[in-house]
Structures are given as structure tokens and as C-alpha cells.
Amino acid sequence: GEVLHVMRALAEEHMTMLVVTHEIQF
């Protein structure tokens, strides 16, 4: 959760991100 929280904040700041993930909810 603490890592995904940081990544969510980056998404809100419109950082371009390409993410390999198994976290479906994220």
C-alpha cells in the first residue's frame, strides 16, 4: 500500500508511467 500510494500521487501529477503489475485494483 505505501508504494502504491506514492505511485497514485505520481499519476495525479500526470507523470507518464508504463507499469507491469498484478495489482488489478491499482
PDB file of all heavy atoms in Angstrom:
ATOM      1  N   GLY A   1       0.798  -1.220   0.000  1.00  0.00           N
ATOM      2  CA  GLY A   1       0.000   0.000   0.000  1.00  0.00           C
ATOM      3  C   GLY A   1       0.828   1.265   0.000  1.00  0.00           C
ATOM      4  O   GLY A   1       0.483   2.238  -0.688  1.00  0.00           O
ATOM      5  N   GLU A   2       1.951   1.285   0.741  1.00  0.00           N
ATOM      6  CA  GLU A   2       2.747   2.507   0.826  1.00  0.00           C
ATOM      7  C   GLU A   2       3.421   2.836  -0.499  1.00  0.00           C
ATOM      8  O   GLU A   2       3.594   4.013  -0.836  1.00  0.00           O
ATOM      9  CB  GLU A   2       3.783   2.381   1.951  1.00  0.00           C
ATOM     10  CG  GLU A   2       4.800   1.280   1.793  1.00  0.00           C
ATOM     11  CD  GLU A   2       5.624   1.042   3.057  1.00  0.00           C
ATOM     12  OE1 GLU A   2       5.021   0.821   4.138  1.00  0.00           O
ATOM     13  OE2 GLU A   2       6.848   1.094   2.967  1.00  0.00           O
ATOM     14  N   VAL A   3       3.772   1.808  -1.264  1.00  0.00           N
ATOM     15  CA  VAL A   3       4.371   2.047  -2.583  1.00  0.00           C
ATOM     16  C   VAL A   3       3.302   2.489  -3.579  1.00  0.00           C
ATOM     17  O   VAL A   3       3.500   3.444  -4.351  1.00  0.00           O
ATOM     18  CB  VAL A   3       5.095   0.785  -3.088  1.00  0.00           C
ATOM     19  CG1 VAL A   3       5.574   0.966  -4.524  1.00  0.00           C
ATOM     20  CG2 VAL A   3       6.280   0.464  -2.177  1.00  0.00           C
ATOM     21  N   LEU A   4       2.158   1.827  -3.564  1.00  0.00           N
ATOM     22  CA  LEU A   4       1.080   2.210  -4.477  1.00  0.00           C
ATOM     23  C   LEU A   4       0.576   3.615  -4.181  1.00  0.00           C
ATOM     24  O   LEU A   4       0.169   4.340  -5.098  1.00  0.00           O
ATOM     25  CB  LEU A   4      -0.076   1.201  -4.381  1.00  0.00           C
ATOM     26  CG  LEU A   4       0.236  -0.224  -4.852  1.00  0.00           C
ATOM     27  CD1 LEU A   4      -1.020  -1.089  -4.766  1.00  0.00           C
ATOM     28  CD2 LEU A   4       0.796  -0.233  -6.262  1.00  0.00           C
ATOM     29  N   HIS A   5       0.634   4.035  -2.912  1.00  0.00           N
ATOM     30  CA  HIS A   5       0.232   5.400  -2.557  1.00  0.00           C
ATOM     31  C   HIS A   5       1.114   6.425  -3.274  1.00  0.00           C
ATOM     32  O   HIS A   5       0.611   7.432  -3.811  1.00  0.00           O
ATOM     33  CB  HIS A   5       0.323   5.593  -1.038  1.00  0.00           C
ATOM     34  CG  HIS A   5       0.050   6.987  -0.585  1.00  0.00           C
ATOM     35  ND1 HIS A   5      -1.219   7.528  -0.536  1.00  0.00           N
ATOM     36  CD2 HIS A   5       0.906   7.988  -0.184  1.00  0.00           C
ATOM     37  CE1 HIS A   5      -1.160   8.779  -0.123  1.00  0.00           C
ATOM     38  NE2 HIS A   5       0.121   9.086   0.102  1.00  0.00           N
ATOM     39  N   VAL A   6       2.420   6.175  -3.299  1.00  0.00           N
ATOM     40  CA  VAL A   6       3.341   7.076  -3.991  1.00  0.00           C
ATOM     41  C   VAL A   6       3.060   7.072  -5.486  1.00  0.00           C
ATOM     42  O   VAL A   6       3.060   8.125  -6.138  1.00  0.00           O
ATOM     43  CB  VAL A   6       4.805   6.670  -3.716  1.00  0.00           C
ATOM     44  CG1 VAL A   6       5.767   7.494  -4.572  1.00  0.00           C
ATOM     45  CG2 VAL A   6       5.134   6.846  -2.239  1.00  0.00           C
ATOM     46  N   MET A   7       2.796   5.892  -6.045  1.00  0.00           N
ATOM     47  CA  MET A   7       2.528   5.801  -7.480  1.00  0.00           C
ATOM     48  C   MET A   7       1.216   6.491  -7.848  1.00  0.00           C
ATOM     49  O   MET A   7       1.115   7.120  -8.907  1.00  0.00           O
ATOM     50  CB  MET A   7       2.513   4.337  -7.904  1.00  0.00           C
ATOM     51  CG  MET A   7       3.889   3.667  -7.789  1.00  0.00           C
ATOM     52  SD  MET A   7       3.850   1.896  -8.140  1.00  0.00           S
ATOM     53  CE  MET A   7       3.425   1.904  -9.886  1.00  0.00           C
ATOM     54  N   ARG A   8       0.217   6.387  -6.982  1.00  0.00           N
ATOM     55  CA  ARG A   8      -1.039   7.102  -7.236  1.00  0.00           C
ATOM     56  C   ARG A   8      -0.809   8.608  -7.273  1.00  0.00           C
ATOM     57  O   ARG A   8      -1.378   9.324  -8.103  1.00  0.00           O
ATOM     58  CB  ARG A   8      -2.068   6.756  -6.154  1.00  0.00           C
ATOM     59  CG  ARG A   8      -2.658   5.366  -6.272  1.00  0.00           C
ATOM     60  CD  ARG A   8      -3.806   5.167  -5.288  1.00  0.00           C
ATOM     61  NE  ARG A   8      -4.332   3.817  -5.351  1.00  0.00           N
ATOM     62  CZ  ARG A   8      -3.936   2.827  -4.564  1.00  0.00           C
ATOM     63  NH1 ARG A   8      -3.010   3.053  -3.626  1.00  0.00           N
ATOM     64  NH2 ARG A   8      -4.447   1.614  -4.685  1.00  0.00           N
ATOM     65  N   ALA A   9       0.044   9.092  -6.347  1.00  0.00           N
ATOM     66  CA  ALA A   9       0.348  10.528  -6.322  1.00  0.00           C
ATOM     67  C   ALA A   9       1.030  10.962  -7.620  1.00  0.00           C
ATOM     68  O   ALA A   9       0.736  12.041  -8.162  1.00  0.00           O
ATOM     69  CB  ALA A   9       1.240  10.856  -5.123  1.00  0.00           C
ATOM     70  N   LEU A  10       1.921  10.127  -8.146  1.00  0.00           N
ATOM     71  CA  LEU A  10       2.578  10.440  -9.419  1.00  0.00           C
ATOM     72  C   LEU A  10       1.564  10.481 -10.556  1.00  0.00           C
ATOM     73  O   LEU A  10       1.644  11.340 -11.444  1.00  0.00           O
ATOM     74  CB  LEU A  10       3.665   9.407  -9.723  1.00  0.00           C
ATOM     75  CG  LEU A  10       4.898   9.418  -8.824  1.00  0.00           C
ATOM     76  CD1 LEU A  10       5.831   8.271  -9.196  1.00  0.00           C
ATOM     77  CD2 LEU A  10       5.634  10.748  -8.926  1.00  0.00           C
ATOM     78  N   ALA A  11       0.615   9.553 -10.531  1.00  0.00           N
ATOM     79  CA  ALA A  11      -0.420   9.537 -11.561  1.00  0.00           C
ATOM     80  C   ALA A  11      -1.254  10.816 -11.511  1.00  0.00           C
ATOM     81  O   ALA A  11      -1.597  11.393 -12.552  1.00  0.00           O
ATOM     82  CB  ALA A  11      -1.316   8.307 -11.388  1.00  0.00           C
ATOM     83  N   GLU A  12      -1.551  11.279 -10.305  1.00  0.00           N
ATOM     84  CA  GLU A  12      -2.325  12.515 -10.149  1.00  0.00           C
ATOM     85  C   GLU A  12      -1.554  13.733 -10.640  1.00  0.00           C
ATOM     86  O   GLU A  12      -2.152  14.746 -11.013  1.00  0.00           O
ATOM     87  CB  GLU A  12      -2.722  12.691  -8.684  1.00  0.00           C
ATOM     88  CG  GLU A  12      -3.754  11.664  -8.208  1.00  0.00           C
ATOM     89  CD  GLU A  12      -3.977  11.713  -6.710  1.00  0.00           C
ATOM     90  OE1 GLU A  12      -3.342  12.562  -6.039  1.00  0.00           O
ATOM     91  OE2 GLU A  12      -4.777  10.891  -6.206  1.00  0.00           O
ATOM     92  N   GLU A  13      -0.219  13.624 -10.631  1.00  0.00           N
ATOM     93  CA  GLU A  13       0.622  14.716 -11.136  1.00  0.00           C
ATOM     94  C   GLU A  13       0.895  14.574 -12.635  1.00  0.00           C
ATOM     95  O   GLU A  13       1.670  15.329 -13.214  1.00  0.00           O
ATOM     96  CB  GLU A  13       1.950  14.726 -10.378  1.00  0.00           C
ATOM     97  CG  GLU A  13       1.783  15.034  -8.900  1.00  0.00           C
ATOM     98  CD  GLU A  13       3.035  14.723  -8.087  1.00  0.00           C
ATOM     99  OE1 GLU A  13       4.099  14.454  -8.707  1.00  0.00           O
ATOM    100  OE2 GLU A  13       2.957  14.735  -6.853  1.00  0.00           O
ATOM    101  N   HIS A  14       0.238  13.592 -13.261  1.00  0.00           N
ATOM    102  CA  HIS A  14       0.330  13.370 -14.713  1.00  0.00           C
ATOM    103  C   HIS A  14       1.727  12.965 -15.174  1.00  0.00           C
ATOM    104  O   HIS A  14       2.167  13.335 -16.268  1.00  0.00           O
ATOM    105  CB  HIS A  14      -0.148  14.615 -15.484  1.00  0.00           C
ATOM    106  CG  HIS A  14      -1.528  15.053 -15.099  1.00  0.00           C
ATOM    107  ND1 HIS A  14      -2.662  14.311 -15.386  1.00  0.00           N
ATOM    108  CD2 HIS A  14      -1.964  16.148 -14.417  1.00  0.00           C
ATOM    109  CE1 HIS A  14      -3.728  14.935 -14.905  1.00  0.00           C
ATOM    110  NE2 HIS A  14      -3.342  16.041 -14.311  1.00  0.00           N
ATOM    111  N   MET A  15       2.409  12.187 -14.344  1.00  0.00           N
ATOM    112  CA  MET A  15       3.653  11.578 -14.778  1.00  0.00           C
ATOM    113  C   MET A  15       3.328  10.447 -15.756  1.00  0.00           C
ATOM    114  O   MET A  15       2.445   9.628 -15.483  1.00  0.00           O
ATOM    115  CB  MET A  15       4.435  11.029 -13.579  1.00  0.00           C
ATOM    116  CG  MET A  15       5.621  10.142 -13.944  1.00  0.00           C
ATOM    117  SD  MET A  15       6.907  10.972 -14.901  1.00  0.00           S
ATOM    118  CE  MET A  15       7.633  12.021 -13.623  1.00  0.00           C
ATOM    119  N   THR A  16       3.999  10.406 -16.884  1.00  0.00           N
ATOM    120  CA  THR A  16       3.814   9.312 -17.832  1.00  0.00           C
ATOM    121  C   THR A  16       4.409   8.048 -17.228  1.00  0.00           C
ATOM    122  O   THR A  16       5.577   8.018 -16.847  1.00  0.00           O
ATOM    123  CB  THR A  16       4.518   9.625 -19.163  1.00  0.00           C
ATOM    124  OG1 THR A  16       4.049  10.883 -19.658  1.00  0.00           O
ATOM    125  CG2 THR A  16       4.247   8.537 -20.197  1.00  0.00           C
ATOM    126  N   MET A  17       3.595   6.988 -17.133  1.00  0.00           N
ATOM    127  CA  MET A  17       4.054   5.758 -16.494  1.00  0.00           C
ATOM    128  C   MET A  17       3.604   4.540 -17.295  1.00  0.00           C
ATOM    129  O   MET A  17       2.451   4.466 -17.747  1.00  0.00           O
ATOM    130  CB  MET A  17       3.513   5.658 -15.062  1.00  0.00           C
ATOM    131  CG  MET A  17       3.979   6.771 -14.137  1.00  0.00           C
ATOM    132  SD  MET A  17       3.657   6.421 -12.380  1.00  0.00           S
ATOM    133  CE  MET A  17       1.872   6.510 -12.308  1.00  0.00           C
ATOM    134  N   LEU A  18       4.533   3.605 -17.454  1.00  0.00           N
ATOM    135  CA  LEU A  18       4.231   2.295 -18.031  1.00  0.00           C
ATOM    136  C   LEU A  18       4.521   1.283 -16.938  1.00  0.00           C
ATOM    137  O   LEU A  18       5.662   1.153 -16.486  1.00  0.00           O
ATOM    138  CB  LEU A  18       5.099   2.048 -19.267  1.00  0.00           C
ATOM    139  CG  LEU A  18       4.874   0.737 -20.027  1.00  0.00           C
ATOM    140  CD1 LEU A  18       3.421   0.601 -20.475  1.00  0.00           C
ATOM    141  CD2 LEU A  18       5.807   0.657 -21.237  1.00  0.00           C
ATOM    142  N   VAL A  19       3.475   0.572 -16.496  1.00  0.00           N
ATOM    143  CA  VAL A  19       3.558  -0.222 -15.267  1.00  0.00           C
ATOM    144  C   VAL A  19       3.219  -1.685 -15.530  1.00  0.00           C
ATOM    145  O   VAL A  19       2.102  -1.997 -15.960  1.00  0.00           O
ATOM    146  CB  VAL A  19       2.591   0.323 -14.190  1.00  0.00           C
ATOM    147  CG1 VAL A  19       2.770  -0.431 -12.874  1.00  0.00           C
ATOM    148  CG2 VAL A  19       2.778   1.824 -13.986  1.00  0.00           C
ATOM    149  N   VAL A  20       4.182  -2.570 -15.294  1.00  0.00           N
ATOM    150  CA  VAL A  20       3.901  -4.006 -15.268  1.00  0.00           C
ATOM    151  C   VAL A  20       3.417  -4.341 -13.866  1.00  0.00           C
ATOM    152  O   VAL A  20       4.118  -4.080 -12.880  1.00  0.00           O
ATOM    153  CB  VAL A  20       5.164  -4.832 -15.601  1.00  0.00           C
ATOM    154  CG1 VAL A  20       4.888  -6.325 -15.391  1.00  0.00           C
ATOM    155  CG2 VAL A  20       5.606  -4.580 -17.029  1.00  0.00           C
ATOM    156  N   THR A  21       2.221  -4.877 -13.762  1.00  0.00           N
ATOM    157  CA  THR A  21       1.665  -5.105 -12.424  1.00  0.00           C
ATOM    158  C   THR A  21       0.681  -6.260 -12.409  1.00  0.00           C
ATOM    159  O   THR A  21       0.065  -6.588 -13.439  1.00  0.00           O
ATOM    160  CB  THR A  21       0.969  -3.835 -11.903  1.00  0.00           C
ATOM    161  OG1 THR A  21       0.532  -4.049 -10.560  1.00  0.00           O
ATOM    162  CG2 THR A  21      -0.225  -3.450 -12.765  1.00  0.00           C
ATOM    163  N   HIS A  22       0.550  -6.890 -11.244  1.00  0.00           N
ATOM    164  CA  HIS A  22      -0.511  -7.849 -10.985  1.00  0.00           C
ATOM    165  C   HIS A  22      -1.546  -7.240 -10.040  1.00  0.00           C
ATOM    166  O   HIS A  22      -2.486  -7.933  -9.637  1.00  0.00           O
ATOM    167  CB  HIS A  22       0.059  -9.123 -10.361  1.00  0.00           C
ATOM    168  CG  HIS A  22       0.885  -9.933 -11.315  1.00  0.00           C
ATOM    169  ND1 HIS A  22       0.352 -10.602 -12.394  1.00  0.00           N
ATOM    170  CD2 HIS A  22       2.221 -10.170 -11.369  1.00  0.00           C
ATOM    171  CE1 HIS A  22       1.300 -11.231 -13.055  1.00  0.00           C
ATOM    172  NE2 HIS A  22       2.452 -10.975 -12.458  1.00  0.00           N
ATOM    173  N   GLU A  23      -1.353  -5.967  -9.688  1.00  0.00           N
ATOM    174  CA  GLU A  23      -2.281  -5.286  -8.782  1.00  0.00           C
ATOM    175  C   GLU A  23      -3.469  -4.750  -9.591  1.00  0.00           C
ATOM    176  O   GLU A  23      -3.470  -3.615 -10.074  1.00  0.00           O
ATOM    177  CB  GLU A  23      -1.568  -4.139  -8.055  1.00  0.00           C
ATOM    178  CG  GLU A  23      -0.411  -4.573  -7.174  1.00  0.00           C
ATOM    179  CD  GLU A  23      -0.886  -5.307  -5.932  1.00  0.00           C
ATOM    180  OE1 GLU A  23      -2.067  -5.152  -5.555  1.00  0.00           O
ATOM    181  OE2 GLU A  23      -0.067  -6.038  -5.337  1.00  0.00           O
ATOM    182  N   ILE A  24      -4.471  -5.594  -9.748  1.00  0.00           N
ATOM    183  CA  ILE A  24      -5.609  -5.257 -10.605  1.00  0.00           C
ATOM    184  C   ILE A  24      -6.358  -4.036 -10.088  1.00  0.00           C
ATOM    185  O   ILE A  24      -6.793  -3.176 -10.860  1.00  0.00           O
ATOM    186  CB  ILE A  24      -6.560  -6.458 -10.740  1.00  0.00           C
ATOM    187  CG1 ILE A  24      -5.835  -7.637 -11.398  1.00  0.00           C
ATOM    188  CG2 ILE A  24      -7.794  -6.083 -11.544  1.00  0.00           C
ATOM    189  CD1 ILE A  24      -5.291  -7.326 -12.775  1.00  0.00           C
ATOM    190  N   GLN A  25      -6.510  -3.929  -8.764  1.00  0.00           N
ATOM    191  CA  GLN A  25      -7.227  -2.787  -8.204  1.00  0.00           C
ATOM    192  C   GLN A  25      -6.489  -1.489  -8.506  1.00  0.00           C
ATOM    193  O   GLN A  25      -7.105  -0.471  -8.845  1.00  0.00           O
ATOM    194  CB  GLN A  25      -7.410  -2.949  -6.696  1.00  0.00           C
ATOM    195  CG  GLN A  25      -8.273  -1.862  -6.048  1.00  0.00           C
ATOM    196  CD  GLN A  25      -9.676  -1.791  -6.638  1.00  0.00           C
ATOM    197  OE1 GLN A  25     -10.261  -2.811  -6.989  1.00  0.00           O
ATOM    198  NE2 GLN A  25     -10.219  -0.585  -6.742  1.00  0.00           N
ATOM    199  N   PHE A  26      -5.154  -1.513  -8.408  1.00  0.00           N
ATOM    200  CA  PHE A  26      -4.362  -0.330  -8.747  1.00  0.00           C
ATOM    201  C   PHE A  26      -4.564   0.031 -10.210  1.00  0.00           C
ATOM    202  O   PHE A  26      -4.778   1.203 -10.554  1.00  0.00           O
ATOM    203  CB  PHE A  26      -2.883  -0.596  -8.468  1.00  0.00           C
ATOM    204  CG  PHE A  26      -1.963   0.490  -8.961  1.00  0.00           C
ATOM    205  CD1 PHE A  26      -1.818   1.664  -8.245  1.00  0.00           C
ATOM    206  CD2 PHE A  26      -1.256   0.339 -10.144  1.00  0.00           C
ATOM    207  CE1 PHE A  26      -0.978   2.678  -8.696  1.00  0.00           C
ATOM    208  CE2 PHE A  26      -0.411   1.344 -10.606  1.00  0.00           C
ATOM    209  CZ  PHE A  26      -0.275   2.505  -9.881  1.00  0.00           C
TER     210      PHE A  26
END
